[in-house]
């Protein structure tokens, strides 16, 4: 499988190289950071309304001191699907004064 030479493509390439089967469903976690718990919880509540299939977990990150919102979705880890989901999260997270912080496959 060939991947684009951007960050997402590199991560997928490394996962494939490590033996992760990218042709089956995986839980992909998209990470978001906020200055306050209220901002993170507001985005989690918003997602619960518009996309109830997304599992959200809000927790403190001590280093740096920030609030994490981890959003888990079960999908095929396809490049285009990940890029599209990142773009959707980017539009939403800015409404709550947060920012995206990458993604990974739940082990």
PDB file of N, CA and C in Angstrom:
ATOM      1  N   UNK A   1       0.845  -1.175   0.000  1.00  0.00           N
ATOM      2  CA  UNK A   1       0.000   0.000   0.000  1.00  0.00           C
ATOM      3  C   UNK A   1       0.894   1.243   0.000  1.00  0.00           C
ATOM      4  N   UNK A   2       0.602   2.190  -0.855  1.00  0.00           N
ATOM      5  CA  UNK A   2       1.355   3.448  -0.895  1.00  0.00           C
ATOM      6  C   UNK A   2       0.593   4.524  -0.137  1.00  0.00           C
ATOM      7  N   UNK A   3       1.346   5.360   0.575  1.00  0.00           N
ATOM      8  CA  UNK A   3       0.745   6.428   1.364  1.00  0.00           C
ATOM      9  C   UNK A   3       1.356   7.758   0.956  1.00  0.00           C
ATOM     10  N   UNK A   4       0.580   8.832   1.021  1.00  0.00           N
ATOM     11  CA  UNK A   4       1.141  10.166   0.771  1.00  0.00           C
ATOM     12  C   UNK A   4       2.263  10.460   1.767  1.00  0.00           C
ATOM     13  N   UNK A   5       3.125  11.370   1.404  1.00  0.00           N
ATOM     14  CA  UNK A   5       4.291  11.663   2.226  1.00  0.00           C
ATOM     15  C   UNK A   5       4.043  12.804   3.212  1.00  0.00           C
ATOM     16  N   UNK A   6       2.840  12.838   3.786  1.00  0.00           N
ATOM     17  CA  UNK A   6       2.554  13.800   4.848  1.00  0.00           C
ATOM     18  C   UNK A   6       2.534  13.057   6.184  1.00  0.00           C
ATOM     19  N   UNK A   7       2.188  13.760   7.256  1.00  0.00           N
ATOM     20  CA  UNK A   7       2.241  13.152   8.592  1.00  0.00           C
ATOM     21  C   UNK A   7       1.314  11.946   8.714  1.00  0.00           C
ATOM     22  N   UNK A   8       0.091  12.057   8.220  1.00  0.00           N
ATOM     23  CA  UNK A   8      -0.858  10.938   8.295  1.00  0.00           C
ATOM     24  C   UNK A   8      -0.355   9.754   7.496  1.00  0.00           C
ATOM     25  N   UNK A   9       0.158  10.009   6.305  1.00  0.00           N
ATOM     26  CA  UNK A   9       0.710   8.934   5.492  1.00  0.00           C
ATOM     27  C   UNK A   9       1.882   8.242   6.165  1.00  0.00           C
ATOM     28  N   UNK A  10       2.737   9.019   6.808  1.00  0.00           N
ATOM     29  CA  UNK A  10       3.881   8.437   7.517  1.00  0.00           C
ATOM     30  C   UNK A  10       3.434   7.553   8.666  1.00  0.00           C
ATOM     31  N   UNK A  11       2.425   8.015   9.420  1.00  0.00           N
ATOM     32  CA  UNK A  11       1.921   7.221  10.550  1.00  0.00           C
ATOM     33  C   UNK A  11       1.320   5.910  10.046  1.00  0.00           C
ATOM     34  N   UNK A  12       0.514   5.973   9.000  1.00  0.00           N
ATOM     35  CA  UNK A  12      -0.069   4.753   8.440  1.00  0.00           C
ATOM     36  C   UNK A  12       0.998   3.807   7.923  1.00  0.00           C
ATOM     37  N   UNK A  13       2.026   4.338   7.265  1.00  0.00           N
ATOM     38  CA  UNK A  13       3.124   3.520   6.771  1.00  0.00           C
ATOM     39  C   UNK A  13       3.817   2.802   7.933  1.00  0.00           C
ATOM     40  N   UNK A  14       4.097   3.538   9.012  1.00  0.00           N
ATOM     41  CA  UNK A  14       4.767   2.943  10.179  1.00  0.00           C
ATOM     42  C   UNK A  14       3.893   1.874  10.828  1.00  0.00           C
ATOM     43  N   UNK A  15       2.584   2.107  10.870  1.00  0.00           N
ATOM     44  CA  UNK A  15       1.680   1.109  11.440  1.00  0.00           C
ATOM     45  C   UNK A  15       1.688  -0.166  10.600  1.00  0.00           C
ATOM     46  N   UNK A  16       1.616   0.009   9.295  1.00  0.00           N
ATOM     47  CA  UNK A  16       1.640  -1.145   8.398  1.00  0.00           C
ATOM     48  C   UNK A  16       2.964  -1.893   8.553  1.00  0.00           C
ATOM     49  N   UNK A  17       4.056  -1.154   8.618  1.00  0.00           N
ATOM     50  CA  UNK A  17       5.381  -1.745   8.783  1.00  0.00           C
ATOM     51  C   UNK A  17       5.486  -2.516  10.103  1.00  0.00           C
ATOM     52  N   UNK A  18       4.778  -2.039  11.126  1.00  0.00           N
ATOM     53  CA  UNK A  18       4.797  -2.693  12.435  1.00  0.00           C
ATOM     54  C   UNK A  18       3.880  -3.922  12.483  1.00  0.00           C
ATOM     55  N   UNK A  19       3.180  -4.187  11.376  1.00  0.00           N
ATOM     56  CA  UNK A  19       2.349  -5.380  11.312  1.00  0.00           C
ATOM     57  C   UNK A  19       0.883  -5.170  11.630  1.00  0.00           C
ATOM     58  N   UNK A  20       0.450  -3.925  11.758  1.00  0.00           N
ATOM     59  CA  UNK A  20      -0.965  -3.653  12.012  1.00  0.00           C
ATOM     60  C   UNK A  20      -1.740  -3.839  10.707  1.00  0.00           C
ATOM     61  N   UNK A  21      -2.789  -4.638  10.749  1.00  0.00           N
ATOM     62  CA  UNK A  21      -3.613  -4.906   9.571  1.00  0.00           C
ATOM     63  C   UNK A  21      -4.528  -3.714   9.326  1.00  0.00           C
ATOM     64  N   UNK A  22      -4.239  -2.949   8.305  1.00  0.00           N
ATOM     65  CA  UNK A  22      -5.011  -1.746   7.995  1.00  0.00           C
ATOM     66  C   UNK A  22      -6.229  -2.029   7.119  1.00  0.00           C
ATOM     67  N   UNK A  23      -6.514  -3.316   6.886  1.00  0.00           N
ATOM     68  CA  UNK A  23      -7.676  -3.681   6.070  1.00  0.00           C
ATOM     69  C   UNK A  23      -8.863  -4.102   6.928  1.00  0.00           C
ATOM     70  N   UNK A  24      -8.709  -4.012   8.253  1.00  0.00           N
ATOM     71  CA  UNK A  24      -9.805  -4.353   9.163  1.00  0.00           C
ATOM     72  C   UNK A  24     -10.156  -3.137  10.012  1.00  0.00           C
ATOM     73  N   UNK A  25     -11.334  -3.168  10.605  1.00  0.00           N
ATOM     74  CA  UNK A  25     -11.796  -2.069  11.452  1.00  0.00           C
ATOM     75  C   UNK A  25     -10.907  -1.944  12.693  1.00  0.00           C
ATOM     76  N   UNK A  26     -10.639  -0.703  13.058  1.00  0.00           N
ATOM     77  CA  UNK A  26      -9.893  -0.386  14.272  1.00  0.00           C
ATOM     78  C   UNK A  26     -10.587   0.790  14.953  1.00  0.00           C
ATOM     79  N   UNK A  27     -10.344   0.914  16.238  1.00  0.00           N
ATOM     80  CA  UNK A  27     -10.795   2.111  16.937  1.00  0.00           C
ATOM     81  C   UNK A  27      -9.704   3.154  16.790  1.00  0.00           C
ATOM     82  N   UNK A  28     -10.049   4.260  16.134  1.00  0.00           N
ATOM     83  CA  UNK A  28      -9.109   5.359  15.944  1.00  0.00           C
ATOM     84  C   UNK A  28      -9.492   6.456  16.933  1.00  0.00           C
ATOM     85  N   UNK A  29      -8.480   6.950  17.644  1.00  0.00           N
ATOM     86  CA  UNK A  29      -8.703   7.989  18.643  1.00  0.00           C
ATOM     87  C   UNK A  29      -8.114   9.292  18.113  1.00  0.00           C
ATOM     88  N   UNK A  30      -8.954  10.329  18.073  1.00  0.00           N
ATOM     89  CA  UNK A  30      -8.527  11.664  17.659  1.00  0.00           C
ATOM     90  C   UNK A  30      -8.398  12.505  18.931  1.00  0.00           C
ATOM     91  N   UNK A  31      -7.255  13.165  19.071  1.00  0.00           N
ATOM     92  CA  UNK A  31      -6.930  13.892  20.298  1.00  0.00           C
ATOM     93  C   UNK A  31      -7.138  15.400  20.107  1.00  0.00           C
ATOM     94  N   UNK A  32      -7.730  16.037  21.140  1.00  0.00           N
ATOM     95  CA  UNK A  32      -7.966  17.480  21.125  1.00  0.00           C
ATOM     96  C   UNK A  32      -7.557  18.039  22.480  1.00  0.00           C
ATOM     97  N   UNK A  33      -7.025  19.249  22.482  1.00  0.00           N
ATOM     98  CA  UNK A  33      -6.581  19.889  23.722  1.00  0.00           C
ATOM     99  C   UNK A  33      -7.317  21.206  23.949  1.00  0.00           C
ATOM    100  N   UNK A  34      -7.583  21.492  25.235  1.00  0.00           N
ATOM    101  CA  UNK A  34      -8.296  22.703  25.642  1.00  0.00           C
ATOM    102  C   UNK A  34      -7.643  23.277  26.890  1.00  0.00           C
ATOM    103  N   UNK A  35      -7.833  24.566  27.100  1.00  0.00           N
ATOM    104  CA  UNK A  35      -7.314  25.207  28.304  1.00  0.00           C
ATOM    105  C   UNK A  35      -8.151  24.883  29.526  1.00  0.00           C
ATOM    106  N   UNK A  36      -9.460  24.676  29.329  1.00  0.00           N
ATOM    107  CA  UNK A  36     -10.327  24.438  30.483  1.00  0.00           C
ATOM    108  C   UNK A  36     -11.148  23.160  30.309  1.00  0.00           C
ATOM    109  N   UNK A  37     -11.549  22.618  31.439  1.00  0.00           N
ATOM    110  CA  UNK A  37     -12.408  21.443  31.452  1.00  0.00           C
ATOM    111  C   UNK A  37     -13.750  21.763  30.792  1.00  0.00           C
ATOM    112  N   UNK A  38     -14.255  22.968  31.033  1.00  0.00           N
ATOM    113  CA  UNK A  38     -15.555  23.363  30.490  1.00  0.00           C
ATOM    114  C   UNK A  38     -15.551  23.345  28.961  1.00  0.00           C
ATOM    115  N   UNK A  39     -14.452  23.808  28.349  1.00  0.00           N
ATOM    116  CA  UNK A  39     -14.359  23.802  26.886  1.00  0.00           C
ATOM    117  C   UNK A  39     -14.382  22.368  26.356  1.00  0.00           C
ATOM    118  N   UNK A  40     -13.593  21.499  26.973  1.00  0.00           N
ATOM    119  CA  UNK A  40     -13.531  20.099  26.536  1.00  0.00           C
ATOM    120  C   UNK A  40     -14.888  19.423  26.705  1.00  0.00           C
ATOM    121  N   UNK A  41     -15.538  19.654  27.838  1.00  0.00           N
ATOM    122  CA  UNK A  41     -16.839  19.038  28.082  1.00  0.00           C
ATOM    123  C   UNK A  41     -17.917  19.602  27.157  1.00  0.00           C
ATOM    124  N   UNK A  42     -17.801  20.863  26.785  1.00  0.00           N
ATOM    125  CA  UNK A  42     -18.765  21.456  25.855  1.00  0.00           C
ATOM    126  C   UNK A  42     -18.664  20.803  24.477  1.00  0.00           C
ATOM    127  N   UNK A  43     -17.443  20.560  24.016  1.00  0.00           N
ATOM    128  CA  UNK A  43     -17.287  19.894  22.720  1.00  0.00           C
ATOM    129  C   UNK A  43     -17.776  18.453  22.814  1.00  0.00           C
ATOM    130  N   UNK A  44     -17.493  17.775  23.912  1.00  0.00           N
ATOM    131  CA  UNK A  44     -17.970  16.403  24.089  1.00  0.00           C
ATOM    132  C   UNK A  44     -19.498  16.355  24.061  1.00  0.00           C
ATOM    133  N   UNK A  45     -20.154  17.302  24.702  1.00  0.00           N
ATOM    134  CA  UNK A  45     -21.615  17.364  24.704  1.00  0.00           C
ATOM    135  C   UNK A  45     -22.149  17.640  23.301  1.00  0.00           C
ATOM    136  N   UNK A  46     -21.476  18.525  22.583  1.00  0.00           N
ATOM    137  CA  UNK A  46     -21.868  18.830  21.205  1.00  0.00           C
ATOM    138  C   UNK A  46     -21.768  17.580  20.333  1.00  0.00           C
ATOM    139  N   UNK A  47     -20.667  16.857  20.459  1.00  0.00           N
ATOM    140  CA  UNK A  47     -20.485  15.638  19.668  1.00  0.00           C
ATOM    141  C   UNK A  47     -21.522  14.578  20.032  1.00  0.00           C
ATOM    142  N   UNK A  48     -21.891  14.496  21.306  1.00  0.00           N
ATOM    143  CA  UNK A  48     -22.911  13.526  21.729  1.00  0.00           C
ATOM    144  C   UNK A  48     -24.240  13.802  21.028  1.00  0.00           C
ATOM    145  N   UNK A  49     -24.513  15.068  20.757  1.00  0.00           N
ATOM    146  CA  UNK A  49     -25.750  15.438  20.064  1.00  0.00           C
ATOM    147  C   UNK A  49     -25.690  15.158  18.569  1.00  0.00           C
ATOM    148  N   UNK A  50     -24.572  15.501  17.930  1.00  0.00           N
ATOM    149  CA  UNK A  50     -24.509  15.413  16.469  1.00  0.00           C
ATOM    150  C   UNK A  50     -23.927  14.098  15.948  1.00  0.00           C
ATOM    151  N   UNK A  51     -23.168  13.388  16.784  1.00  0.00           N
ATOM    152  CA  UNK A  51     -22.527  12.145  16.348  1.00  0.00           C
ATOM    153  C   UNK A  51     -22.444  11.170  17.525  1.00  0.00           C
ATOM    154  N   UNK A  52     -23.575  10.584  17.904  1.00  0.00           N
ATOM    155  CA  UNK A  52     -23.591   9.724  19.087  1.00  0.00           C
ATOM    156  C   UNK A  52     -22.722   8.471  18.975  1.00  0.00           C
ATOM    157  N   UNK A  53     -22.249   8.148  17.772  1.00  0.00           N
ATOM    158  CA  UNK A  53     -21.376   6.983  17.607  1.00  0.00           C
ATOM    159  C   UNK A  53     -19.933   7.274  18.024  1.00  0.00           C
ATOM    160  N   UNK A  54     -19.600   8.533  18.255  1.00  0.00           N
ATOM    161  CA  UNK A  54     -18.254   8.910  18.702  1.00  0.00           C
ATOM    162  C   UNK A  54     -18.209   8.810  20.226  1.00  0.00           C
ATOM    163  N   UNK A  55     -17.249   8.072  20.738  1.00  0.00           N
ATOM    164  CA  UNK A  55     -17.076   7.926  22.187  1.00  0.00           C
ATOM    165  C   UNK A  55     -16.067   8.977  22.642  1.00  0.00           C
ATOM    166  N   UNK A  56     -16.475   9.812  23.597  1.00  0.00           N
ATOM    167  CA  UNK A  56     -15.623  10.905  24.071  1.00  0.00           C
ATOM    168  C   UNK A  56     -15.138  10.645  25.487  1.00  0.00           C
ATOM    169  N   UNK A  57     -13.895  11.011  25.744  1.00  0.00           N
ATOM    170  CA  UNK A  57     -13.298  10.887  27.069  1.00  0.00           C
ATOM    171  C   UNK A  57     -12.572  12.187  27.386  1.00  0.00           C
ATOM    172  N   UNK A  58     -13.027  12.885  28.422  1.00  0.00           N
ATOM    173  CA  UNK A  58     -12.402  14.139  28.860  1.00  0.00           C
ATOM    174  C   UNK A  58     -11.543  13.828  30.080  1.00  0.00           C
ATOM    175  N   UNK A  59     -10.284  14.278  30.046  1.00  0.00           N
ATOM    176  CA  UNK A  59      -9.400  14.064  31.193  1.00  0.00           C
ATOM    177  C   UNK A  59      -8.296  15.113  31.200  1.00  0.00           C
ATOM    178  N   UNK A  60      -7.695  15.291  32.361  1.00  0.00           N
ATOM    179  CA  UNK A  60      -6.622  16.281  32.529  1.00  0.00           C
ATOM    180  C   UNK A  60      -5.317  15.705  31.982  1.00  0.00           C
ATOM    181  N   UNK A  61      -4.527  16.563  31.372  1.00  0.00           N
ATOM    182  CA  UNK A  61      -3.178  16.217  30.922  1.00  0.00           C
ATOM    183  C   UNK A  61      -2.237  17.120  31.709  1.00  0.00           C
ATOM    184  N   UNK A  62      -1.482  16.553  32.616  1.00  0.00           N
ATOM    185  CA  UNK A  62      -0.633  17.354  33.501  1.00  0.00           C
ATOM    186  C   UNK A  62       0.555  17.989  32.790  1.00  0.00           C
ATOM    187  N   UNK A  63       0.973  17.434  31.667  1.00  0.00           N
ATOM    188  CA  UNK A  63       2.156  17.978  30.989  1.00  0.00           C
ATOM    189  C   UNK A  63       1.909  18.038  29.488  1.00  0.00           C
ATOM    190  N   UNK A  64       1.562  19.132  28.889  1.00  0.00           N
ATOM    191  CA  UNK A  64       1.344  20.424  29.529  1.00  0.00           C
ATOM    192  C   UNK A  64      -0.007  20.424  30.237  1.00  0.00           C
ATOM    193  N   UNK A  65      -0.178  21.326  31.173  1.00  0.00           N
ATOM    194  CA  UNK A  65      -1.445  21.384  31.915  1.00  0.00           C
ATOM    195  C   UNK A  65      -2.534  21.833  30.946  1.00  0.00           C
ATOM    196  N   UNK A  66      -3.332  20.871  30.516  1.00  0.00           N
ATOM    197  CA  UNK A  66      -4.406  21.117  29.559  1.00  0.00           C
ATOM    198  C   UNK A  66      -5.455  20.031  29.759  1.00  0.00           C
ATOM    199  N   UNK A  67      -6.600  20.238  29.151  1.00  0.00           N
ATOM    200  CA  UNK A  67      -7.670  19.247  29.187  1.00  0.00           C
ATOM    201  C   UNK A  67      -7.731  18.541  27.849  1.00  0.00           C
ATOM    202  N   UNK A  68      -7.714  17.218  27.893  1.00  0.00           N
ATOM    203  CA  UNK A  68      -7.778  16.383  26.704  1.00  0.00           C
ATOM    204  C   UNK A  68      -9.200  15.939  26.452  1.00  0.00           C
ATOM    205  N   UNK A  69      -9.562  15.912  25.185  1.00  0.00           N
ATOM    206  CA  UNK A  69     -10.796  15.276  24.752  1.00  0.00           C
ATOM    207  C   UNK A  69     -10.385  14.249  23.706  1.00  0.00           C
ATOM    208  N   UNK A  70     -10.480  12.981  24.071  1.00  0.00           N
ATOM    209  CA  UNK A  70     -10.159  11.897  23.149  1.00  0.00           C
ATOM    210  C   UNK A  70     -11.461  11.409  22.532  1.00  0.00           C
ATOM    211  N   UNK A  71     -11.519  11.393  21.201  1.00  0.00           N
ATOM    212  CA  UNK A  71     -12.725  11.002  20.471  1.00  0.00           C
ATOM    213  C   UNK A  71     -12.439   9.714  19.708  1.00  0.00           C
ATOM    214  N   UNK A  72     -13.117   8.638  20.077  1.00  0.00           N
ATOM    215  CA  UNK A  72     -12.870   7.323  19.484  1.00  0.00           C
ATOM    216  C   UNK A  72     -13.962   6.958  18.493  1.00  0.00           C
ATOM    217  N   UNK A  73     -13.516   6.457  17.334  1.00  0.00           N
ATOM    218  CA  UNK A  73     -14.428   6.060  16.267  1.00  0.00           C
ATOM    219  C   UNK A  73     -13.925   4.744  15.698  1.00  0.00           C
ATOM    220  N   UNK A  74     -14.813   3.796  15.491  1.00  0.00           N
ATOM    221  CA  UNK A  74     -14.435   2.510  14.904  1.00  0.00           C
ATOM    222  C   UNK A  74     -14.615   2.600  13.385  1.00  0.00           C
ATOM    223  N   UNK A  75     -13.497   2.540  12.654  1.00  0.00           N
ATOM    224  CA  UNK A  75     -13.508   2.661  11.189  1.00  0.00           C
ATOM    225  C   UNK A  75     -12.330   1.891  10.587  1.00  0.00           C
ATOM    226  N   UNK A  76     -12.375   1.751   9.277  1.00  0.00           N
ATOM    227  CA  UNK A  76     -11.189   1.270   8.566  1.00  0.00           C
ATOM    228  C   UNK A  76     -10.169   2.405   8.561  1.00  0.00           C
ATOM    229  N   UNK A  77      -8.924   2.134   8.887  1.00  0.00           N
ATOM    230  CA  UNK A  77      -7.914   3.204   8.932  1.00  0.00           C
ATOM    231  C   UNK A  77      -7.402   3.568   7.531  1.00  0.00           C
ATOM    232  N   UNK A  78      -8.289   4.132   6.733  1.00  0.00           N
ATOM    233  CA  UNK A  78      -7.945   4.556   5.384  1.00  0.00           C
ATOM    234  C   UNK A  78      -7.492   6.014   5.411  1.00  0.00           C
ATOM    235  N   UNK A  79      -6.500   6.328   4.621  1.00  0.00           N
ATOM    236  CA  UNK A  79      -5.936   7.680   4.592  1.00  0.00           C
ATOM    237  C   UNK A  79      -7.017   8.733   4.390  1.00  0.00           C
ATOM    238  N   UNK A  80      -7.834   8.584   3.356  1.00  0.00           N
ATOM    239  CA  UNK A  80      -8.847   9.597   3.042  1.00  0.00           C
ATOM    240  C   UNK A  80      -9.865   9.754   4.168  1.00  0.00           C
ATOM    241  N   UNK A  81     -10.234   8.651   4.810  1.00  0.00           N
ATOM    242  CA  UNK A  81     -11.195   8.715   5.906  1.00  0.00           C
ATOM    243  C   UNK A  81     -10.607   9.464   7.107  1.00  0.00           C
ATOM    244  N   UNK A  82      -9.347   9.224   7.393  1.00  0.00           N
ATOM    245  CA  UNK A  82      -8.690   9.895   8.521  1.00  0.00           C
ATOM    246  C   UNK A  82      -8.553  11.389   8.239  1.00  0.00           C
ATOM    247  N   UNK A  83      -8.126  11.737   7.040  1.00  0.00           N
ATOM    248  CA  UNK A  83      -7.981  13.148   6.664  1.00  0.00           C
ATOM    249  C   UNK A  83      -9.337  13.862   6.749  1.00  0.00           C
ATOM    250  N   UNK A  84     -10.388  13.203   6.260  1.00  0.00           N
ATOM    251  CA  UNK A  84     -11.727  13.810   6.287  1.00  0.00           C
ATOM    252  C   UNK A  84     -12.209  13.995   7.729  1.00  0.00           C
ATOM    253  N   UNK A  85     -11.980  13.000   8.577  1.00  0.00           N
ATOM    254  CA  UNK A  85     -12.417  13.116   9.963  1.00  0.00           C
ATOM    255  C   UNK A  85     -11.629  14.196  10.692  1.00  0.00           C
ATOM    256  N   UNK A  86     -10.331  14.287  10.437  1.00  0.00           N
ATOM    257  CA  UNK A  86      -9.520  15.349  11.039  1.00  0.00           C
ATOM    258  C   UNK A  86     -10.049  16.726  10.642  1.00  0.00           C
ATOM    259  N   UNK A  87     -10.429  16.888   9.372  1.00  0.00           N
ATOM    260  CA  UNK A  87     -10.951  18.167   8.894  1.00  0.00           C
ATOM    261  C   UNK A  87     -12.266  18.510   9.592  1.00  0.00           C
ATOM    262  N   UNK A  88     -13.128  17.507   9.782  1.00  0.00           N
ATOM    263  CA  UNK A  88     -14.390  17.752  10.484  1.00  0.00           C
ATOM    264  C   UNK A  88     -14.135  18.169  11.929  1.00  0.00           C
ATOM    265  N   UNK A  89     -13.220  17.460  12.598  1.00  0.00           N
ATOM    266  CA  UNK A  89     -12.895  17.823  13.979  1.00  0.00           C
ATOM    267  C   UNK A  89     -12.273  19.216  14.048  1.00  0.00           C
ATOM    268  N   UNK A  90     -11.464  19.562  13.081  1.00  0.00           N
ATOM    269  CA  UNK A  90     -10.822  20.887  13.072  1.00  0.00           C
ATOM    270  C   UNK A  90     -11.876  21.997  13.036  1.00  0.00           C
ATOM    271  N   UNK A  91     -12.918  21.810  12.246  1.00  0.00           N
ATOM    272  CA  UNK A  91     -13.982  22.804  12.182  1.00  0.00           C
ATOM    273  C   UNK A  91     -14.731  22.914  13.509  1.00  0.00           C
ATOM    274  N   UNK A  92     -14.915  21.792  14.181  1.00  0.00           N
ATOM    275  CA  UNK A  92     -15.670  21.790  15.438  1.00  0.00           C
ATOM    276  C   UNK A  92     -14.827  22.302  16.597  1.00  0.00           C
ATOM    277  N   UNK A  93     -13.596  21.842  16.718  1.00  0.00           N
ATOM    278  CA  UNK A  93     -12.774  22.148  17.893  1.00  0.00           C
ATOM    279  C   UNK A  93     -12.511  23.645  18.045  1.00  0.00           C
ATOM    280  N   UNK A  94     -12.391  24.354  16.936  1.00  0.00           N
ATOM    281  CA  UNK A  94     -12.123  25.791  17.017  1.00  0.00           C
ATOM    282  C   UNK A  94     -13.316  26.549  17.616  1.00  0.00           C
ATOM    283  N   UNK A  95     -14.519  26.010  17.457  1.00  0.00           N
ATOM    284  CA  UNK A  95     -15.708  26.625  18.049  1.00  0.00           C
ATOM    285  C   UNK A  95     -15.650  26.608  19.580  1.00  0.00           C
ATOM    286  N   UNK A  96     -14.851  25.692  20.122  1.00  0.00           N
ATOM    287  CA  UNK A  96     -14.751  25.537  21.570  1.00  0.00           C
ATOM    288  C   UNK A  96     -13.373  25.961  22.094  1.00  0.00           C
ATOM    289  N   UNK A  97     -12.653  26.737  21.277  1.00  0.00           N
ATOM    290  CA  UNK A  97     -11.342  27.300  21.642  1.00  0.00           C
ATOM    291  C   UNK A  97     -10.297  26.248  21.970  1.00  0.00           C
ATOM    292  N   UNK A  98     -10.353  25.140  21.249  1.00  0.00           N
ATOM    293  CA  UNK A  98      -9.358  24.090  21.418  1.00  0.00           C
ATOM    294  C   UNK A  98      -8.597  23.875  20.126  1.00  0.00           C
ATOM    295  N   UNK A  99      -7.776  22.854  20.117  1.00  0.00           N
ATOM    296  CA  UNK A  99      -7.069  22.503  18.889  1.00  0.00           C
ATOM    297  C   UNK A  99      -6.854  21.004  18.815  1.00  0.00           C
ATOM    298  N   UNK A 100      -6.690  20.520  17.594  1.00  0.00           N
ATOM    299  CA  UNK A 100      -6.463  19.097  17.378  1.00  0.00           C
ATOM    300  C   UNK A 100      -5.019  18.767  17.713  1.00  0.00           C
ATOM    301  N   UNK A 101      -4.802  17.514  18.123  1.00  0.00           N
ATOM    302  CA  UNK A 101      -3.470  17.099  18.553  1.00  0.00           C
ATOM    303  C   UNK A 101      -3.123  15.703  18.055  1.00  0.00           C
ATOM    304  N   UNK A 102      -3.579  15.380  16.829  1.00  0.00           N
ATOM    305  CA  UNK A 102      -3.199  14.115  16.221  1.00  0.00           C
ATOM    306  C   UNK A 102      -4.204  13.007  16.453  1.00  0.00           C
ATOM    307  N   UNK A 103      -3.779  11.785  16.123  1.00  0.00           N
ATOM    308  CA  UNK A 103      -4.650  10.626  16.216  1.00  0.00           C
ATOM    309  C   UNK A 103      -3.794   9.370  16.376  1.00  0.00           C
ATOM    310  N   UNK A 104      -4.435   8.292  16.722  1.00  0.00           N
ATOM    311  CA  UNK A 104      -3.745   7.005  16.840  1.00  0.00           C
ATOM    312  C   UNK A 104      -4.746   5.874  16.843  1.00  0.00           C
ATOM    313  N   UNK A 105      -4.244   4.667  16.699  1.00  0.00           N
ATOM    314  CA  UNK A 105      -5.096   3.476  16.752  1.00  0.00           C
ATOM    315  C   UNK A 105      -5.053   2.934  18.161  1.00  0.00           C
ATOM    316  N   UNK A 106      -6.223   2.665  18.706  1.00  0.00           N
ATOM    317  CA  UNK A 106      -6.316   2.123  20.056  1.00  0.00           C
ATOM    318  C   UNK A 106      -5.768   0.716  20.072  1.00  0.00           C
ATOM    319  N   UNK A 107      -4.872   0.461  20.994  1.00  0.00           N
ATOM    320  CA  UNK A 107      -4.261  -0.870  21.076  1.00  0.00           C
ATOM    321  C   UNK A 107      -5.007  -1.746  22.053  1.00  0.00           C
TER     322      UNK A 107
END
